[in-house]
């Protein structure tokens, strides 16, 4: 009886936490990219017959998959590797749409909720809080502080402010 309860709990946990994924098998040699942009670095080639599970897509049609290898502290869209639009011959309509980072921008990635302050002082007014596992464009640096622009982030709000460098990693 205990085993059945545990098995039921595991099944429920799996069903409520698993993401939608679409299997894709490459028909020809296909480049995969580190960011959803044709000018970004090529991460690897998919050879004919190799497959990945597509998990997300961008508004512009890039298809993201989990590469299945450790990537340091990459969070949000940075944890995926990308196939160009039009690559997949399968329906991807059910995949969630995610924010796409710009190519020539450095981003602060958060591991925990991170306050965005009006000034370079933790006693200054908090303007917003970046969620855990998010990212935000870095537009300036001052010793241990980063000036960030939340317009270029998954939150897409018109706020610029300061975050402590110790609270983030950079991509």
C-alpha atoms as a PDB file:
ATOM      1  CA  UNK A   1       0.000   0.000   0.000  1.00  0.00           C
ATOM      2  CA  UNK A   2       2.813   2.453   0.866  1.00  0.00           C
ATOM      3  CA  UNK A   3       4.545   1.674  -2.435  1.00  0.00           C
ATOM      4  CA  UNK A   4       1.380   2.512  -4.404  1.00  0.00           C
ATOM      5  CA  UNK A   5       1.008   5.841  -2.577  1.00  0.00           C
ATOM      6  CA  UNK A   6       4.643   6.741  -3.259  1.00  0.00           C
ATOM      7  CA  UNK A   7       4.304   5.724  -6.917  1.00  0.00           C
ATOM      8  CA  UNK A   8       1.142   7.850  -7.236  1.00  0.00           C
ATOM      9  CA  UNK A   9       2.893  10.853  -5.650  1.00  0.00           C
ATOM     10  CA  UNK A  10       5.872  10.476  -8.007  1.00  0.00           C
ATOM     11  CA  UNK A  11       3.548  10.240 -11.017  1.00  0.00           C
ATOM     12  CA  UNK A  12       1.607  13.347  -9.942  1.00  0.00           C
ATOM     13  CA  UNK A  13       4.855  15.257  -9.344  1.00  0.00           C
ATOM     14  CA  UNK A  14       6.133  14.243 -12.789  1.00  0.00           C
ATOM     15  CA  UNK A  15       2.915  15.262 -14.537  1.00  0.00           C
ATOM     16  CA  UNK A  16       2.789  18.660 -12.837  1.00  0.00           C
ATOM     17  CA  UNK A  17       6.462  19.527 -13.422  1.00  0.00           C
ATOM     18  CA  UNK A  18       7.252  18.070 -16.834  1.00  0.00           C
ATOM     19  CA  UNK A  19       7.383  20.499 -19.717  1.00  0.00           C
ATOM     20  CA  UNK A  20       6.006  20.070 -23.194  1.00  0.00           C
ATOM     21  CA  UNK A  21       8.657  18.656 -25.506  1.00  0.00           C
ATOM     22  CA  UNK A  22       8.621  17.839 -29.199  1.00  0.00           C
ATOM     23  CA  UNK A  23      11.010  15.225 -30.567  1.00  0.00           C
ATOM     24  CA  UNK A  24      13.064  16.386 -33.535  1.00  0.00           C
ATOM     25  CA  UNK A  25      15.416  14.237 -35.610  1.00  0.00           C
ATOM     26  CA  UNK A  26      17.777  15.963 -38.010  1.00  0.00           C
ATOM     27  CA  UNK A  27      17.531  14.873 -41.643  1.00  0.00           C
ATOM     28  CA  UNK A  28      20.780  16.625 -42.568  1.00  0.00           C
ATOM     29  CA  UNK A  29      23.774  18.147 -40.787  1.00  0.00           C
ATOM     30  CA  UNK A  30      22.333  21.091 -38.847  1.00  0.00           C
ATOM     31  CA  UNK A  31      24.154  23.769 -36.833  1.00  0.00           C
ATOM     32  CA  UNK A  32      22.895  24.516 -33.321  1.00  0.00           C
ATOM     33  CA  UNK A  33      23.640  27.892 -31.742  1.00  0.00           C
ATOM     34  CA  UNK A  34      24.445  29.280 -28.274  1.00  0.00           C
ATOM     35  CA  UNK A  35      21.952  32.142 -28.678  1.00  0.00           C
ATOM     36  CA  UNK A  36      18.904  32.423 -30.913  1.00  0.00           C
ATOM     37  CA  UNK A  37      20.708  34.394 -33.606  1.00  0.00           C
ATOM     38  CA  UNK A  38      22.432  33.210 -36.831  1.00  0.00           C
ATOM     39  CA  UNK A  39      25.521  35.274 -35.962  1.00  0.00           C
ATOM     40  CA  UNK A  40      25.989  33.660 -32.528  1.00  0.00           C
ATOM     41  CA  UNK A  41      28.551  30.946 -31.861  1.00  0.00           C
ATOM     42  CA  UNK A  42      27.801  27.500 -33.215  1.00  0.00           C
ATOM     43  CA  UNK A  43      27.425  25.178 -30.246  1.00  0.00           C
ATOM     44  CA  UNK A  44      27.464  21.858 -32.120  1.00  0.00           C
ATOM     45  CA  UNK A  45      26.280  20.104 -35.241  1.00  0.00           C
ATOM     46  CA  UNK A  46      23.380  17.685 -35.270  1.00  0.00           C
ATOM     47  CA  UNK A  47      24.253  14.905 -37.698  1.00  0.00           C
ATOM     48  CA  UNK A  48      21.634  13.138 -39.814  1.00  0.00           C
ATOM     49  CA  UNK A  49      19.632  10.836 -37.541  1.00  0.00           C
ATOM     50  CA  UNK A  50      20.562  12.659 -34.317  1.00  0.00           C
ATOM     51  CA  UNK A  51      17.689  14.022 -32.298  1.00  0.00           C
ATOM     52  CA  UNK A  52      16.832  16.480 -29.556  1.00  0.00           C
ATOM     53  CA  UNK A  53      13.712  17.249 -27.538  1.00  0.00           C
ATOM     54  CA  UNK A  54      12.575  20.764 -28.394  1.00  0.00           C
ATOM     55  CA  UNK A  55      11.238  22.506 -25.274  1.00  0.00           C
ATOM     56  CA  UNK A  56      10.681  26.186 -26.115  1.00  0.00           C
ATOM     57  CA  UNK A  57      10.507  28.632 -29.000  1.00  0.00           C
ATOM     58  CA  UNK A  58      11.065  32.348 -29.436  1.00  0.00           C
ATOM     59  CA  UNK A  59       8.641  34.776 -31.068  1.00  0.00           C
ATOM     60  CA  UNK A  60      10.957  34.824 -34.087  1.00  0.00           C
ATOM     61  CA  UNK A  61      10.773  31.026 -34.470  1.00  0.00           C
ATOM     62  CA  UNK A  62      14.048  29.810 -32.935  1.00  0.00           C
ATOM     63  CA  UNK A  63      13.661  26.406 -31.266  1.00  0.00           C
ATOM     64  CA  UNK A  64      15.337  25.720 -27.916  1.00  0.00           C
ATOM     65  CA  UNK A  65      16.449  22.414 -26.443  1.00  0.00           C
ATOM     66  CA  UNK A  66      18.267  21.393 -23.285  1.00  0.00           C
ATOM     67  CA  UNK A  67      21.744  20.275 -24.394  1.00  0.00           C
ATOM     68  CA  UNK A  68      21.987  17.737 -21.572  1.00  0.00           C
ATOM     69  CA  UNK A  69      25.444  18.872 -20.446  1.00  0.00           C
ATOM     70  CA  UNK A  70      26.441  21.078 -17.526  1.00  0.00           C
ATOM     71  CA  UNK A  71      26.514  24.784 -18.413  1.00  0.00           C
ATOM     72  CA  UNK A  72      27.740  26.423 -15.222  1.00  0.00           C
ATOM     73  CA  UNK A  73      25.059  28.740 -13.842  1.00  0.00           C
ATOM     74  CA  UNK A  74      23.096  29.390 -17.028  1.00  0.00           C
ATOM     75  CA  UNK A  75      19.483  30.316 -16.307  1.00  0.00           C
ATOM     76  CA  UNK A  76      16.319  31.187 -18.274  1.00  0.00           C
ATOM     77  CA  UNK A  77      16.882  31.267 -22.063  1.00  0.00           C
ATOM     78  CA  UNK A  78      20.650  30.856 -21.637  1.00  0.00           C
ATOM     79  CA  UNK A  79      20.272  27.212 -20.589  1.00  0.00           C
ATOM     80  CA  UNK A  80      18.987  26.256 -24.050  1.00  0.00           C
ATOM     81  CA  UNK A  81      20.785  25.661 -27.323  1.00  0.00           C
ATOM     82  CA  UNK A  82      19.014  26.793 -30.454  1.00  0.00           C
ATOM     83  CA  UNK A  83      17.905  25.598 -33.874  1.00  0.00           C
ATOM     84  CA  UNK A  84      17.142  28.237 -36.522  1.00  0.00           C
ATOM     85  CA  UNK A  85      13.578  28.989 -37.617  1.00  0.00           C
ATOM     86  CA  UNK A  86      12.290  26.597 -40.258  1.00  0.00           C
ATOM     87  CA  UNK A  87      14.617  23.765 -39.212  1.00  0.00           C
ATOM     88  CA  UNK A  88      12.007  21.519 -37.647  1.00  0.00           C
ATOM     89  CA  UNK A  89       9.646  19.565 -39.832  1.00  0.00           C
ATOM     90  CA  UNK A  90       7.380  18.840 -36.851  1.00  0.00           C
ATOM     91  CA  UNK A  91       4.659  21.010 -35.307  1.00  0.00           C
ATOM     92  CA  UNK A  92       6.045  23.255 -32.572  1.00  0.00           C
ATOM     93  CA  UNK A  93       2.862  25.244 -31.891  1.00  0.00           C
ATOM     94  CA  UNK A  94       2.473  23.699 -28.420  1.00  0.00           C
ATOM     95  CA  UNK A  95       5.908  24.819 -27.246  1.00  0.00           C
ATOM     96  CA  UNK A  96       6.001  27.750 -24.805  1.00  0.00           C
ATOM     97  CA  UNK A  97       7.297  31.053 -26.190  1.00  0.00           C
ATOM     98  CA  UNK A  98      10.273  32.432 -24.248  1.00  0.00           C
ATOM     99  CA  UNK A  99      12.256  35.655 -24.220  1.00  0.00           C
ATOM    100  CA  UNK A 100      15.270  35.721 -26.565  1.00  0.00           C
ATOM    101  CA  UNK A 101      18.482  37.452 -25.460  1.00  0.00           C
ATOM    102  CA  UNK A 102      20.189  39.787 -27.916  1.00  0.00           C
ATOM    103  CA  UNK A 103      23.484  38.708 -29.416  1.00  0.00           C
ATOM    104  CA  UNK A 104      25.918  41.482 -28.522  1.00  0.00           C
ATOM    105  CA  UNK A 105      24.660  42.195 -24.999  1.00  0.00           C
ATOM    106  CA  UNK A 106      26.046  40.977 -21.686  1.00  0.00           C
ATOM    107  CA  UNK A 107      23.414  39.814 -19.228  1.00  0.00           C
ATOM    108  CA  UNK A 108      23.285  39.427 -15.473  1.00  0.00           C
ATOM    109  CA  UNK A 109      21.722  36.055 -14.642  1.00  0.00           C
ATOM    110  CA  UNK A 110      20.021  35.644 -11.284  1.00  0.00           C
ATOM    111  CA  UNK A 111      19.980  32.521  -9.147  1.00  0.00           C
ATOM    112  CA  UNK A 112      17.760  34.056  -6.455  1.00  0.00           C
ATOM    113  CA  UNK A 113      15.374  37.020  -6.305  1.00  0.00           C
ATOM    114  CA  UNK A 114      17.548  40.101  -6.795  1.00  0.00           C
ATOM    115  CA  UNK A 115      16.539  43.684  -5.919  1.00  0.00           C
ATOM    116  CA  UNK A 116      17.108  46.430  -8.489  1.00  0.00           C
ATOM    117  CA  UNK A 117      17.994  49.633  -6.631  1.00  0.00           C
ATOM    118  CA  UNK A 118      17.633  53.272  -7.688  1.00  0.00           C
ATOM    119  CA  UNK A 119      21.252  53.932  -6.668  1.00  0.00           C
ATOM    120  CA  UNK A 120      24.458  52.128  -5.812  1.00  0.00           C
ATOM    121  CA  UNK A 121      23.431  51.551  -2.222  1.00  0.00           C
ATOM    122  CA  UNK A 122      21.302  48.811  -0.658  1.00  0.00           C
ATOM    123  CA  UNK A 123      19.504  51.476   1.370  1.00  0.00           C
ATOM    124  CA  UNK A 124      18.324  53.251  -1.793  1.00  0.00           C
ATOM    125  CA  UNK A 125      14.814  52.683  -3.077  1.00  0.00           C
ATOM    126  CA  UNK A 126      14.229  49.225  -4.595  1.00  0.00           C
ATOM    127  CA  UNK A 127      12.661  49.814  -8.019  1.00  0.00           C
ATOM    128  CA  UNK A 128      11.914  46.163  -8.779  1.00  0.00           C
ATOM    129  CA  UNK A 129      12.927  42.617  -7.957  1.00  0.00           C
ATOM    130  CA  UNK A 130      14.351  40.331 -10.617  1.00  0.00           C
ATOM    131  CA  UNK A 131      12.922  36.834 -10.211  1.00  0.00           C
ATOM    132  CA  UNK A 132      15.200  33.879  -9.525  1.00  0.00           C
ATOM    133  CA  UNK A 133      16.483  32.242 -12.716  1.00  0.00           C
ATOM    134  CA  UNK A 134      16.017  35.358 -14.824  1.00  0.00           C
ATOM    135  CA  UNK A 135      18.351  37.692 -16.715  1.00  0.00           C
ATOM    136  CA  UNK A 136      18.722  41.404 -17.407  1.00  0.00           C
ATOM    137  CA  UNK A 137      20.908  43.464 -19.779  1.00  0.00           C
ATOM    138  CA  UNK A 138      23.977  45.073 -18.235  1.00  0.00           C
ATOM    139  CA  UNK A 139      24.368  48.673 -19.438  1.00  0.00           C
ATOM    140  CA  UNK A 140      27.043  49.920 -17.025  1.00  0.00           C
ATOM    141  CA  UNK A 141      29.534  48.871 -14.365  1.00  0.00           C
ATOM    142  CA  UNK A 142      30.738  50.679 -11.246  1.00  0.00           C
ATOM    143  CA  UNK A 143      33.100  48.685  -9.005  1.00  0.00           C
ATOM    144  CA  UNK A 144      30.733  46.110  -7.378  1.00  0.00           C
ATOM    145  CA  UNK A 145      27.531  47.391  -8.983  1.00  0.00           C
ATOM    146  CA  UNK A 146      25.973  46.738 -12.378  1.00  0.00           C
ATOM    147  CA  UNK A 147      23.570  49.179 -14.038  1.00  0.00           C
ATOM    148  CA  UNK A 148      20.832  47.118 -15.690  1.00  0.00           C
ATOM    149  CA  UNK A 149      18.014  47.735 -18.159  1.00  0.00           C
ATOM    150  CA  UNK A 150      14.925  45.635 -17.485  1.00  0.00           C
ATOM    151  CA  UNK A 151      13.523  46.488 -20.944  1.00  0.00           C
ATOM    152  CA  UNK A 152      15.998  43.879 -22.225  1.00  0.00           C
ATOM    153  CA  UNK A 153      14.943  41.038 -19.953  1.00  0.00           C
ATOM    154  CA  UNK A 154      12.146  38.465 -19.725  1.00  0.00           C
ATOM    155  CA  UNK A 155      10.219  40.997 -17.585  1.00  0.00           C
ATOM    156  CA  UNK A 156      10.351  43.714 -20.315  1.00  0.00           C
ATOM    157  CA  UNK A 157       9.598  46.677 -18.046  1.00  0.00           C
ATOM    158  CA  UNK A 158      10.886  50.228 -18.448  1.00  0.00           C
ATOM    159  CA  UNK A 159      13.167  50.276 -15.412  1.00  0.00           C
ATOM    160  CA  UNK A 160      16.878  50.969 -15.164  1.00  0.00           C
ATOM    161  CA  UNK A 161      18.655  50.520 -11.882  1.00  0.00           C
ATOM    162  CA  UNK A 162      21.539  48.929 -10.018  1.00  0.00           C
ATOM    163  CA  UNK A 163      22.193  45.388  -8.776  1.00  0.00           C
ATOM    164  CA  UNK A 164      25.067  44.054  -6.705  1.00  0.00           C
ATOM    165  CA  UNK A 165      27.601  42.017  -8.666  1.00  0.00           C
ATOM    166  CA  UNK A 166      27.719  39.336  -5.945  1.00  0.00           C
ATOM    167  CA  UNK A 167      24.081  38.442  -6.633  1.00  0.00           C
ATOM    168  CA  UNK A 168      24.550  37.387 -10.274  1.00  0.00           C
ATOM    169  CA  UNK A 169      26.597  35.554 -12.874  1.00  0.00           C
ATOM    170  CA  UNK A 170      27.308  36.984 -16.316  1.00  0.00           C
ATOM    171  CA  UNK A 171      26.531  35.602 -19.766  1.00  0.00           C
END
